[in-house]
Amino acid sequence: MSKPPSNFEACKKHVLRYLSGTINRGIKYNTNSNVPLKLIGYCDASWGDNHENRRSTSGYIFFLNGGPISWASYLQTTVALSTVESEVMALTEAIKEAIYIPEALVDHPTSHRRTKHIEIRREFIKFHIGHETVKIERVSTKDQLGDILTKPLRQDIHNYLVQMILHG
């Protein structure tokens, strides 16, 4: 980096402090071959939280046999006009990932082409719920692992969610 930003040293120290404080953390997977593979996912959206352009943040995390295998946190590509629309956009991307993961495990990659309209997304969601490709369950706010990917959290909530991710 030829000209690092003015806060570069402070950021570097923060990262190093974080890494030294989390050195004993690790991801654990159930390796019992008698247990069938179980994929569980969480997703969330934080509606209009970007103050510059009012786009929402989406996030998801998927676990396979107890350990996280796929996660993302990203700014949605369009401005959602309601909380519901923001959540539908997040859920659509999470379902696409839920479909992609098993295919990737057997080496049959799927296209991640994005759709444009909320109705297409809604129909996509309805189709996969109706065909039981995915199962949607309500998760209490306290246990919403997607929050760690979509919004700033108090330290105690962040630590609780990290423990949930690492140890179930």
N, C-alpha and C. Protein backbone atom coordinates (compact mmCIF):
# COMPACT_ATOMS: atom_id res chain seq x y z
N MET A 1 0.85 -1.16 0.00
CA MET A 1 0.00 0.00 0.00
C MET A 1 0.90 1.23 0.00
N SER A 2 0.84 2.02 -1.05
CA SER A 2 1.73 3.16 -1.15
C SER A 2 1.34 4.30 -0.22
N LYS A 3 0.04 4.50 0.00
CA LYS A 3 -0.40 5.57 0.89
C LYS A 3 -1.56 5.06 1.75
N PRO A 4 -1.23 4.40 2.87
CA PRO A 4 -2.30 3.85 3.71
C PRO A 4 -3.14 4.98 4.31
N PRO A 5 -4.43 4.69 4.60
CA PRO A 5 -5.28 5.71 5.23
C PRO A 5 -4.75 6.09 6.60
N SER A 6 -5.18 7.24 7.10
CA SER A 6 -4.66 7.76 8.36
C SER A 6 -4.95 6.85 9.55
N ASN A 7 -6.03 6.10 9.50
CA ASN A 7 -6.36 5.21 10.62
C ASN A 7 -5.86 3.78 10.41
N PHE A 8 -4.99 3.57 9.47
CA PHE A 8 -4.50 2.24 9.13
C PHE A 8 -3.84 1.55 10.32
N GLU A 9 -2.97 2.25 11.02
CA GLU A 9 -2.28 1.64 12.17
C GLU A 9 -3.26 1.25 13.26
N ALA A 10 -4.25 2.11 13.52
CA ALA A 10 -5.25 1.80 14.55
C ALA A 10 -6.07 0.57 14.13
N CYS A 11 -6.42 0.49 12.85
CA CYS A 11 -7.17 -0.67 12.35
C CYS A 11 -6.33 -1.94 12.47
N LYS A 12 -5.06 -1.83 12.13
CA LYS A 12 -4.17 -2.98 12.20
C LYS A 12 -4.07 -3.48 13.65
N LYS A 13 -3.92 -2.57 14.60
CA LYS A 13 -3.86 -2.96 16.01
C LYS A 13 -5.17 -3.60 16.47
N HIS A 14 -6.30 -3.06 16.02
CA HIS A 14 -7.60 -3.61 16.38
C HIS A 14 -7.73 -5.05 15.89
N VAL A 15 -7.35 -5.31 14.65
CA VAL A 15 -7.41 -6.67 14.09
C VAL A 15 -6.50 -7.61 14.86
N LEU A 16 -5.30 -7.18 15.16
CA LEU A 16 -4.36 -8.03 15.90
C LEU A 16 -4.86 -8.33 17.31
N ARG A 17 -5.46 -7.32 17.97
CA ARG A 17 -6.04 -7.54 19.30
C ARG A 17 -7.18 -8.55 19.23
N TYR A 18 -8.02 -8.40 18.21
CA TYR A 18 -9.13 -9.34 18.03
C TYR A 18 -8.61 -10.76 17.82
N LEU A 19 -7.65 -10.91 16.93
CA LEU A 19 -7.10 -12.25 16.65
C LEU A 19 -6.46 -12.86 17.88
N SER A 20 -5.72 -12.07 18.65
CA SER A 20 -5.09 -12.64 19.85
C SER A 20 -6.12 -13.01 20.91
N GLY A 21 -7.25 -12.30 20.94
CA GLY A 21 -8.31 -12.60 21.91
C GLY A 21 -9.20 -13.75 21.51
N THR A 22 -9.11 -14.19 20.26
CA THR A 22 -9.98 -15.26 19.78
C THR A 22 -9.19 -16.48 19.31
N ILE A 23 -7.95 -16.59 19.75
CA ILE A 23 -7.07 -17.65 19.26
C ILE A 23 -7.59 -19.06 19.59
N ASN A 24 -8.38 -19.18 20.65
CA ASN A 24 -8.87 -20.51 21.05
C ASN A 24 -10.23 -20.85 20.45
N ARG A 25 -10.76 -19.97 19.62
CA ARG A 25 -12.04 -20.25 18.98
C ARG A 25 -11.81 -21.08 17.73
N GLY A 26 -12.78 -21.91 17.41
CA GLY A 26 -12.68 -22.72 16.21
C GLY A 26 -14.04 -23.26 15.82
N ILE A 27 -14.15 -23.75 14.62
CA ILE A 27 -15.39 -24.30 14.12
C ILE A 27 -15.38 -25.81 14.33
N LYS A 28 -16.48 -26.34 14.85
CA LYS A 28 -16.59 -27.77 15.09
C LYS A 28 -17.72 -28.34 14.24
N TYR A 29 -17.47 -29.49 13.63
CA TYR A 29 -18.46 -30.18 12.82
C TYR A 29 -18.72 -31.56 13.42
N ASN A 30 -19.96 -32.01 13.32
CA ASN A 30 -20.29 -33.37 13.75
C ASN A 30 -19.76 -34.31 12.67
N THR A 31 -18.79 -35.12 13.01
CA THR A 31 -18.16 -36.00 12.02
C THR A 31 -18.66 -37.44 12.11
N ASN A 32 -19.70 -37.67 12.89
CA ASN A 32 -20.27 -39.00 13.02
C ASN A 32 -20.90 -39.41 11.68
N SER A 33 -20.37 -40.44 11.05
CA SER A 33 -20.85 -40.86 9.73
C SER A 33 -22.25 -41.46 9.78
N ASN A 34 -22.73 -41.80 10.98
CA ASN A 34 -24.08 -42.35 11.11
C ASN A 34 -25.15 -41.26 11.11
N VAL A 35 -24.73 -40.01 11.24
CA VAL A 35 -25.67 -38.89 11.27
C VAL A 35 -25.81 -38.35 9.85
N PRO A 36 -27.04 -38.26 9.32
CA PRO A 36 -27.20 -37.72 7.96
C PRO A 36 -26.83 -36.24 7.93
N LEU A 37 -26.35 -35.79 6.77
CA LEU A 37 -26.01 -34.39 6.62
C LEU A 37 -27.25 -33.53 6.84
N LYS A 38 -27.08 -32.48 7.64
CA LYS A 38 -28.20 -31.60 7.94
C LYS A 38 -27.77 -30.16 7.68
N LEU A 39 -28.45 -29.51 6.74
CA LEU A 39 -28.16 -28.12 6.39
C LEU A 39 -29.18 -27.22 7.07
N ILE A 40 -28.70 -26.26 7.85
CA ILE A 40 -29.56 -25.31 8.55
C ILE A 40 -29.06 -23.91 8.20
N GLY A 41 -29.99 -23.01 7.88
CA GLY A 41 -29.60 -21.66 7.50
C GLY A 41 -30.40 -20.61 8.25
N TYR A 42 -29.78 -19.45 8.40
CA TYR A 42 -30.41 -18.28 9.00
C TYR A 42 -30.20 -17.12 8.04
N CYS A 43 -31.20 -16.25 7.92
CA CYS A 43 -31.00 -15.04 7.12
C CYS A 43 -31.72 -13.89 7.78
N ASP A 44 -31.29 -12.69 7.43
CA ASP A 44 -31.91 -11.50 7.99
C ASP A 44 -31.62 -10.33 7.06
N ALA A 45 -32.39 -9.28 7.23
CA ALA A 45 -32.14 -8.04 6.50
C ALA A 45 -32.34 -6.88 7.46
N SER A 46 -31.60 -5.84 7.24
CA SER A 46 -31.73 -4.63 8.02
C SER A 46 -32.17 -3.53 7.06
N TRP A 47 -33.46 -3.20 7.09
CA TRP A 47 -34.09 -2.35 6.09
C TRP A 47 -33.54 -0.93 6.08
N GLY A 48 -33.06 -0.51 4.92
CA GLY A 48 -32.65 0.87 4.67
C GLY A 48 -31.58 1.39 5.60
N ASP A 49 -30.71 0.52 6.09
CA ASP A 49 -29.75 0.94 7.11
C ASP A 49 -28.53 1.69 6.56
N ASN A 50 -28.31 1.67 5.25
CA ASN A 50 -27.20 2.42 4.69
C ASN A 50 -27.63 3.87 4.54
N HIS A 51 -27.00 4.77 5.29
CA HIS A 51 -27.43 6.17 5.33
C HIS A 51 -27.07 6.93 4.06
N GLU A 52 -26.13 6.43 3.28
CA GLU A 52 -25.75 7.11 2.05
C GLU A 52 -26.74 6.88 0.92
N ASN A 53 -27.26 5.65 0.78
CA ASN A 53 -28.15 5.35 -0.34
C ASN A 53 -29.43 4.64 0.06
N ARG A 54 -29.63 4.41 1.36
CA ARG A 54 -30.82 3.77 1.92
C ARG A 54 -31.06 2.34 1.43
N ARG A 55 -30.02 1.70 0.91
CA ARG A 55 -30.16 0.29 0.58
C ARG A 55 -30.06 -0.53 1.87
N SER A 56 -30.67 -1.69 1.84
CA SER A 56 -30.69 -2.58 3.01
C SER A 56 -29.49 -3.52 2.99
N THR A 57 -29.16 -4.01 4.16
CA THR A 57 -28.10 -5.02 4.29
C THR A 57 -28.76 -6.38 4.47
N SER A 58 -28.31 -7.35 3.71
CA SER A 58 -28.78 -8.73 3.84
C SER A 58 -27.64 -9.59 4.37
N GLY A 59 -28.02 -10.65 5.02
CA GLY A 59 -27.01 -11.60 5.47
C GLY A 59 -27.61 -12.97 5.65
N TYR A 60 -26.78 -13.98 5.46
CA TYR A 60 -27.21 -15.34 5.75
C TYR A 60 -26.00 -16.12 6.24
N ILE A 61 -26.31 -17.20 6.96
CA ILE A 61 -25.28 -18.14 7.40
C ILE A 61 -25.88 -19.54 7.36
N PHE A 62 -25.13 -20.49 6.80
CA PHE A 62 -25.57 -21.88 6.70
C PHE A 62 -24.60 -22.78 7.45
N PHE A 63 -25.19 -23.76 8.12
CA PHE A 63 -24.44 -24.75 8.89
C PHE A 63 -24.65 -26.12 8.27
N LEU A 64 -23.59 -26.90 8.23
CA LEU A 64 -23.68 -28.30 7.81
C LEU A 64 -23.14 -29.13 8.97
N ASN A 65 -23.99 -29.97 9.52
CA ASN A 65 -23.63 -30.80 10.68
C ASN A 65 -23.00 -29.99 11.81
N GLY A 66 -23.61 -28.87 12.09
CA GLY A 66 -23.22 -28.08 13.25
C GLY A 66 -22.17 -27.02 13.04
N GLY A 67 -21.52 -26.98 11.89
CA GLY A 67 -20.47 -25.98 11.65
C GLY A 67 -20.82 -25.08 10.48
N PRO A 68 -20.50 -23.79 10.58
CA PRO A 68 -20.81 -22.89 9.47
C PRO A 68 -19.99 -23.24 8.23
N ILE A 69 -20.67 -23.26 7.06
CA ILE A 69 -19.97 -23.57 5.80
C ILE A 69 -20.13 -22.47 4.76
N SER A 70 -21.13 -21.61 4.92
CA SER A 70 -21.34 -20.54 3.95
C SER A 70 -22.01 -19.38 4.65
N TRP A 71 -21.51 -18.17 4.39
CA TRP A 71 -22.12 -16.98 4.97
C TRP A 71 -21.83 -15.79 4.08
N ALA A 72 -22.68 -14.80 4.21
CA ALA A 72 -22.50 -13.58 3.42
C ALA A 72 -23.20 -12.42 4.12
N SER A 73 -22.65 -11.26 3.94
CA SER A 73 -23.26 -10.02 4.38
C SER A 73 -23.02 -9.02 3.25
N TYR A 74 -24.09 -8.43 2.74
CA TYR A 74 -23.92 -7.57 1.57
C TYR A 74 -25.02 -6.53 1.50
N LEU A 75 -24.74 -5.45 0.80
CA LEU A 75 -25.71 -4.41 0.54
C LEU A 75 -26.60 -4.87 -0.61
N GLN A 76 -27.90 -4.79 -0.43
CA GLN A 76 -28.82 -5.20 -1.49
C GLN A 76 -28.63 -4.30 -2.71
N THR A 77 -28.89 -4.83 -3.89
CA THR A 77 -28.60 -4.11 -5.13
C THR A 77 -29.60 -3.01 -5.44
N THR A 78 -30.79 -3.10 -4.87
CA THR A 78 -31.80 -2.07 -5.10
C THR A 78 -32.34 -1.59 -3.76
N VAL A 79 -33.01 -0.46 -3.77
CA VAL A 79 -33.60 0.09 -2.56
C VAL A 79 -34.95 -0.60 -2.33
N ALA A 80 -35.10 -1.22 -1.19
CA ALA A 80 -36.37 -1.86 -0.82
C ALA A 80 -37.31 -0.79 -0.29
N LEU A 81 -38.57 -0.87 -0.68
CA LEU A 81 -39.54 0.15 -0.28
C LEU A 81 -40.25 -0.19 1.02
N SER A 82 -39.96 -1.37 1.58
CA SER A 82 -40.55 -1.75 2.85
C SER A 82 -39.66 -2.80 3.52
N THR A 83 -39.91 -3.01 4.79
CA THR A 83 -39.20 -4.05 5.52
C THR A 83 -39.47 -5.41 4.89
N VAL A 84 -40.72 -5.64 4.51
CA VAL A 84 -41.09 -6.92 3.91
C VAL A 84 -40.30 -7.14 2.62
N GLU A 85 -40.23 -6.12 1.77
CA GLU A 85 -39.49 -6.27 0.51
C GLU A 85 -38.02 -6.56 0.78
N SER A 86 -37.45 -5.89 1.76
CA SER A 86 -36.05 -6.12 2.13
C SER A 86 -35.85 -7.55 2.60
N GLU A 87 -36.76 -8.05 3.43
CA GLU A 87 -36.66 -9.42 3.94
C GLU A 87 -36.86 -10.43 2.80
N VAL A 88 -37.76 -10.14 1.87
CA VAL A 88 -38.00 -11.04 0.74
C VAL A 88 -36.75 -11.13 -0.13
N MET A 89 -36.09 -10.01 -0.37
CA MET A 89 -34.85 -10.03 -1.15
C MET A 89 -33.79 -10.86 -0.44
N ALA A 90 -33.67 -10.69 0.87
CA ALA A 90 -32.69 -11.47 1.63
C ALA A 90 -33.03 -12.95 1.60
N LEU A 91 -34.31 -13.27 1.78
CA LEU A 91 -34.74 -14.67 1.79
C LEU A 91 -34.51 -15.33 0.44
N THR A 92 -34.75 -14.59 -0.64
CA THR A 92 -34.52 -15.13 -1.98
C THR A 92 -33.07 -15.55 -2.15
N GLU A 93 -32.15 -14.68 -1.76
CA GLU A 93 -30.73 -15.00 -1.90
C GLU A 93 -30.34 -16.16 -1.00
N ALA A 94 -30.92 -16.22 0.19
CA ALA A 94 -30.61 -17.32 1.11
C ALA A 94 -31.13 -18.65 0.54
N ILE A 95 -32.32 -18.64 -0.04
CA ILE A 95 -32.85 -19.87 -0.62
C ILE A 95 -31.99 -20.30 -1.80
N LYS A 96 -31.55 -19.35 -2.61
CA LYS A 96 -30.67 -19.70 -3.72
C LYS A 96 -29.40 -20.37 -3.20
N GLU A 97 -28.87 -19.86 -2.10
CA GLU A 97 -27.67 -20.47 -1.50
C GLU A 97 -28.00 -21.85 -0.94
N ALA A 98 -29.17 -21.98 -0.30
CA ALA A 98 -29.57 -23.28 0.26
C ALA A 98 -29.71 -24.33 -0.83
N ILE A 99 -30.13 -23.92 -2.01
CA ILE A 99 -30.24 -24.84 -3.14
C ILE A 99 -28.86 -25.14 -3.72
N TYR A 100 -28.02 -24.13 -3.76
CA TYR A 100 -26.69 -24.26 -4.35
C TYR A 100 -25.77 -25.18 -3.53
N ILE A 101 -25.82 -25.08 -2.21
CA ILE A 101 -24.88 -25.81 -1.35
C ILE A 101 -24.93 -27.32 -1.60
N PRO A 102 -26.09 -27.98 -1.55
CA PRO A 102 -26.09 -29.42 -1.82
C PRO A 102 -25.60 -29.76 -3.22
N GLU A 103 -25.94 -28.93 -4.20
CA GLU A 103 -25.46 -29.18 -5.55
C GLU A 103 -23.95 -29.04 -5.62
N ALA A 104 -23.41 -28.07 -4.92
CA ALA A 104 -21.95 -27.88 -4.90
C ALA A 104 -21.27 -29.06 -4.23
N LEU A 105 -21.92 -29.63 -3.23
CA LEU A 105 -21.33 -30.77 -2.52
C LEU A 105 -21.23 -32.00 -3.42
N VAL A 106 -22.10 -32.08 -4.42
CA VAL A 106 -22.02 -33.21 -5.36
C VAL A 106 -21.49 -32.75 -6.71
N ASP A 107 -20.90 -31.57 -6.74
CA ASP A 107 -20.20 -31.04 -7.91
C ASP A 107 -21.11 -30.79 -9.12
N HIS A 108 -22.28 -30.18 -8.86
CA HIS A 108 -23.17 -29.74 -9.94
C HIS A 108 -23.49 -28.27 -9.72
N PRO A 109 -22.59 -27.36 -10.07
CA PRO A 109 -22.83 -25.94 -9.80
C PRO A 109 -24.06 -25.39 -10.52
N THR A 110 -24.73 -24.45 -9.85
CA THR A 110 -25.93 -23.80 -10.36
C THR A 110 -25.63 -22.33 -10.59
N SER A 111 -26.27 -21.76 -11.56
CA SER A 111 -26.12 -20.33 -11.83
C SER A 111 -26.76 -19.52 -10.70
N HIS A 112 -26.14 -18.42 -10.33
CA HIS A 112 -26.68 -17.51 -9.32
C HIS A 112 -27.21 -16.24 -9.98
N ARG A 113 -27.96 -16.40 -11.07
CA ARG A 113 -28.48 -15.25 -11.79
C ARG A 113 -29.48 -14.51 -10.90
N ARG A 114 -29.38 -13.20 -10.86
CA ARG A 114 -30.26 -12.40 -10.02
C ARG A 114 -31.54 -12.06 -10.78
N THR A 115 -32.65 -12.05 -10.08
CA THR A 115 -33.91 -11.65 -10.68
C THR A 115 -34.17 -10.18 -10.35
N LYS A 116 -35.05 -9.54 -11.12
CA LYS A 116 -35.26 -8.10 -10.99
C LYS A 116 -36.46 -7.73 -10.15
N HIS A 117 -37.51 -8.46 -10.19
CA HIS A 117 -38.77 -7.99 -9.63
C HIS A 117 -39.19 -8.76 -8.39
N ILE A 118 -39.81 -8.04 -7.49
CA ILE A 118 -40.22 -8.63 -6.23
C ILE A 118 -41.22 -9.76 -6.43
N GLU A 119 -42.09 -9.68 -7.42
CA GLU A 119 -43.04 -10.75 -7.68
C GLU A 119 -42.35 -12.04 -8.09
N ILE A 120 -41.31 -11.93 -8.88
CA ILE A 120 -40.56 -13.12 -9.28
C ILE A 120 -39.93 -13.75 -8.04
N ARG A 121 -39.40 -12.92 -7.17
CA ARG A 121 -38.81 -13.42 -5.93
C ARG A 121 -39.86 -14.11 -5.06
N ARG A 122 -41.03 -13.48 -4.95
CA ARG A 122 -42.09 -14.05 -4.13
C ARG A 122 -42.51 -15.42 -4.68
N GLU A 123 -42.66 -15.52 -6.00
CA GLU A 123 -43.03 -16.79 -6.61
C GLU A 123 -41.95 -17.85 -6.43
N PHE A 124 -40.71 -17.42 -6.50
CA PHE A 124 -39.57 -18.31 -6.27
C PHE A 124 -39.65 -18.89 -4.85
N ILE A 125 -39.88 -18.02 -3.89
CA ILE A 125 -39.96 -18.44 -2.49
C ILE A 125 -41.15 -19.39 -2.31
N LYS A 126 -42.32 -19.01 -2.82
CA LYS A 126 -43.51 -19.86 -2.70
C LYS A 126 -43.28 -21.24 -3.31
N PHE A 127 -42.65 -21.27 -4.48
CA PHE A 127 -42.40 -22.54 -5.15
C PHE A 127 -41.56 -23.46 -4.27
N HIS A 128 -40.47 -22.94 -3.73
CA HIS A 128 -39.56 -23.80 -2.97
C HIS A 128 -40.12 -24.17 -1.60
N ILE A 129 -40.92 -23.32 -1.02
CA ILE A 129 -41.59 -23.69 0.22
C ILE A 129 -42.63 -24.77 -0.08
N GLY A 130 -43.40 -24.56 -1.15
CA GLY A 130 -44.44 -25.53 -1.54
C GLY A 130 -43.88 -26.88 -1.91
N HIS A 131 -42.71 -26.92 -2.52
CA HIS A 131 -42.08 -28.18 -2.90
C HIS A 131 -41.16 -28.73 -1.81
N GLU A 132 -41.17 -28.08 -0.66
CA GLU A 132 -40.39 -28.49 0.51
C GLU A 132 -38.90 -28.60 0.23
N THR A 133 -38.41 -27.76 -0.72
CA THR A 133 -36.97 -27.66 -0.94
C THR A 133 -36.32 -27.01 0.28
N VAL A 134 -37.05 -26.05 0.87
CA VAL A 134 -36.60 -25.37 2.08
C VAL A 134 -37.76 -25.34 3.06
N LYS A 135 -37.43 -25.16 4.31
CA LYS A 135 -38.44 -25.03 5.36
C LYS A 135 -38.14 -23.73 6.10
N ILE A 136 -39.12 -22.85 6.16
CA ILE A 136 -38.94 -21.56 6.81
C ILE A 136 -39.51 -21.65 8.22
N GLU A 137 -38.71 -21.26 9.20
CA GLU A 137 -39.16 -21.25 10.58
C GLU A 137 -38.83 -19.90 11.19
N ARG A 138 -39.72 -19.42 12.03
CA ARG A 138 -39.45 -18.18 12.74
C ARG A 138 -38.41 -18.43 13.82
N VAL A 139 -37.48 -17.50 13.94
CA VAL A 139 -36.44 -17.58 14.97
C VAL A 139 -36.56 -16.33 15.83
N SER A 140 -36.49 -16.50 17.13
CA SER A 140 -36.60 -15.34 18.01
C SER A 140 -35.45 -14.37 17.73
N THR A 141 -35.70 -13.11 17.99
CA THR A 141 -34.68 -12.08 17.76
C THR A 141 -33.39 -12.42 18.50
N LYS A 142 -33.53 -12.97 19.70
CA LYS A 142 -32.36 -13.31 20.51
C LYS A 142 -31.46 -14.33 19.82
N ASP A 143 -32.06 -15.24 19.06
CA ASP A 143 -31.30 -16.32 18.42
C ASP A 143 -31.12 -16.12 16.92
N GLN A 144 -31.33 -14.91 16.42
CA GLN A 144 -31.23 -14.64 14.98
C GLN A 144 -29.76 -14.47 14.59
N LEU A 145 -29.15 -15.57 14.14
CA LEU A 145 -27.73 -15.55 13.79
C LEU A 145 -27.45 -14.63 12.61
N GLY A 146 -28.45 -14.35 11.78
CA GLY A 146 -28.26 -13.43 10.67
C GLY A 146 -27.95 -12.01 11.12
N ASP A 147 -28.34 -11.64 12.34
CA ASP A 147 -28.07 -10.29 12.84
C ASP A 147 -26.59 -9.95 12.86
N ILE A 148 -25.75 -10.95 13.12
CA ILE A 148 -24.32 -10.69 13.21
C ILE A 148 -23.76 -10.24 11.86
N LEU A 149 -24.49 -10.53 10.79
CA LEU A 149 -24.05 -10.19 9.44
C LEU A 149 -24.71 -8.92 8.91
N THR A 150 -25.71 -8.38 9.61
CA THR A 150 -26.47 -7.29 9.02
C THR A 150 -26.48 -5.99 9.81
N LYS A 151 -26.05 -6.00 11.06
CA LYS A 151 -26.15 -4.76 11.84
C LYS A 151 -25.14 -4.73 12.97
N PRO A 152 -24.80 -3.52 13.41
CA PRO A 152 -23.92 -3.44 14.58
C PRO A 152 -24.68 -3.95 15.82
N LEU A 153 -23.98 -4.67 16.66
CA LEU A 153 -24.60 -5.26 17.84
C LEU A 153 -23.84 -4.85 19.10
N ARG A 154 -24.56 -4.85 20.22
CA ARG A 154 -23.87 -4.66 21.50
C ARG A 154 -22.89 -5.81 21.68
N GLN A 155 -21.83 -5.58 22.40
CA GLN A 155 -20.77 -6.58 22.59
C GLN A 155 -21.32 -7.88 23.16
N ASP A 156 -22.21 -7.81 24.15
CA ASP A 156 -22.73 -9.04 24.75
C ASP A 156 -23.56 -9.84 23.76
N ILE A 157 -24.35 -9.17 22.91
CA ILE A 157 -25.14 -9.87 21.91
C ILE A 157 -24.22 -10.48 20.85
N HIS A 158 -23.23 -9.70 20.42
CA HIS A 158 -22.25 -10.21 19.45
C HIS A 158 -21.57 -11.47 19.99
N ASN A 159 -21.10 -11.41 21.22
CA ASN A 159 -20.41 -12.57 21.82
C ASN A 159 -21.34 -13.78 21.92
N TYR A 160 -22.60 -13.55 22.29
CA TYR A 160 -23.58 -14.64 22.38
C TYR A 160 -23.77 -15.30 21.02
N LEU A 161 -23.93 -14.48 19.97
CA LEU A 161 -24.15 -15.03 18.63
C LEU A 161 -22.89 -15.76 18.11
N VAL A 162 -21.72 -15.24 18.43
CA VAL A 162 -20.48 -15.93 18.03
C VAL A 162 -20.43 -17.30 18.70
N GLN A 163 -20.79 -17.37 19.97
CA GLN A 163 -20.81 -18.66 20.67
C GLN A 163 -21.83 -19.61 20.03
N MET A 164 -22.99 -19.08 19.64
CA MET A 164 -24.00 -19.90 18.98
C MET A 164 -23.46 -20.45 17.65
N ILE A 165 -22.74 -19.61 16.90
CA ILE A 165 -22.19 -20.04 15.62
C ILE A 165 -21.13 -21.11 15.82
N LEU A 166 -20.28 -20.91 16.79
CA LEU A 166 -19.16 -21.83 16.98
C LEU A 166 -19.56 -23.13 17.70
N HIS A 167 -20.55 -23.04 18.57
CA HIS A 167 -20.86 -24.21 19.40
C HIS A 167 -22.33 -24.65 19.34
N GLY A 168 -23.13 -23.97 18.56
CA GLY A 168 -24.53 -24.38 18.42
C GLY A 168 -25.33 -24.12 19.57
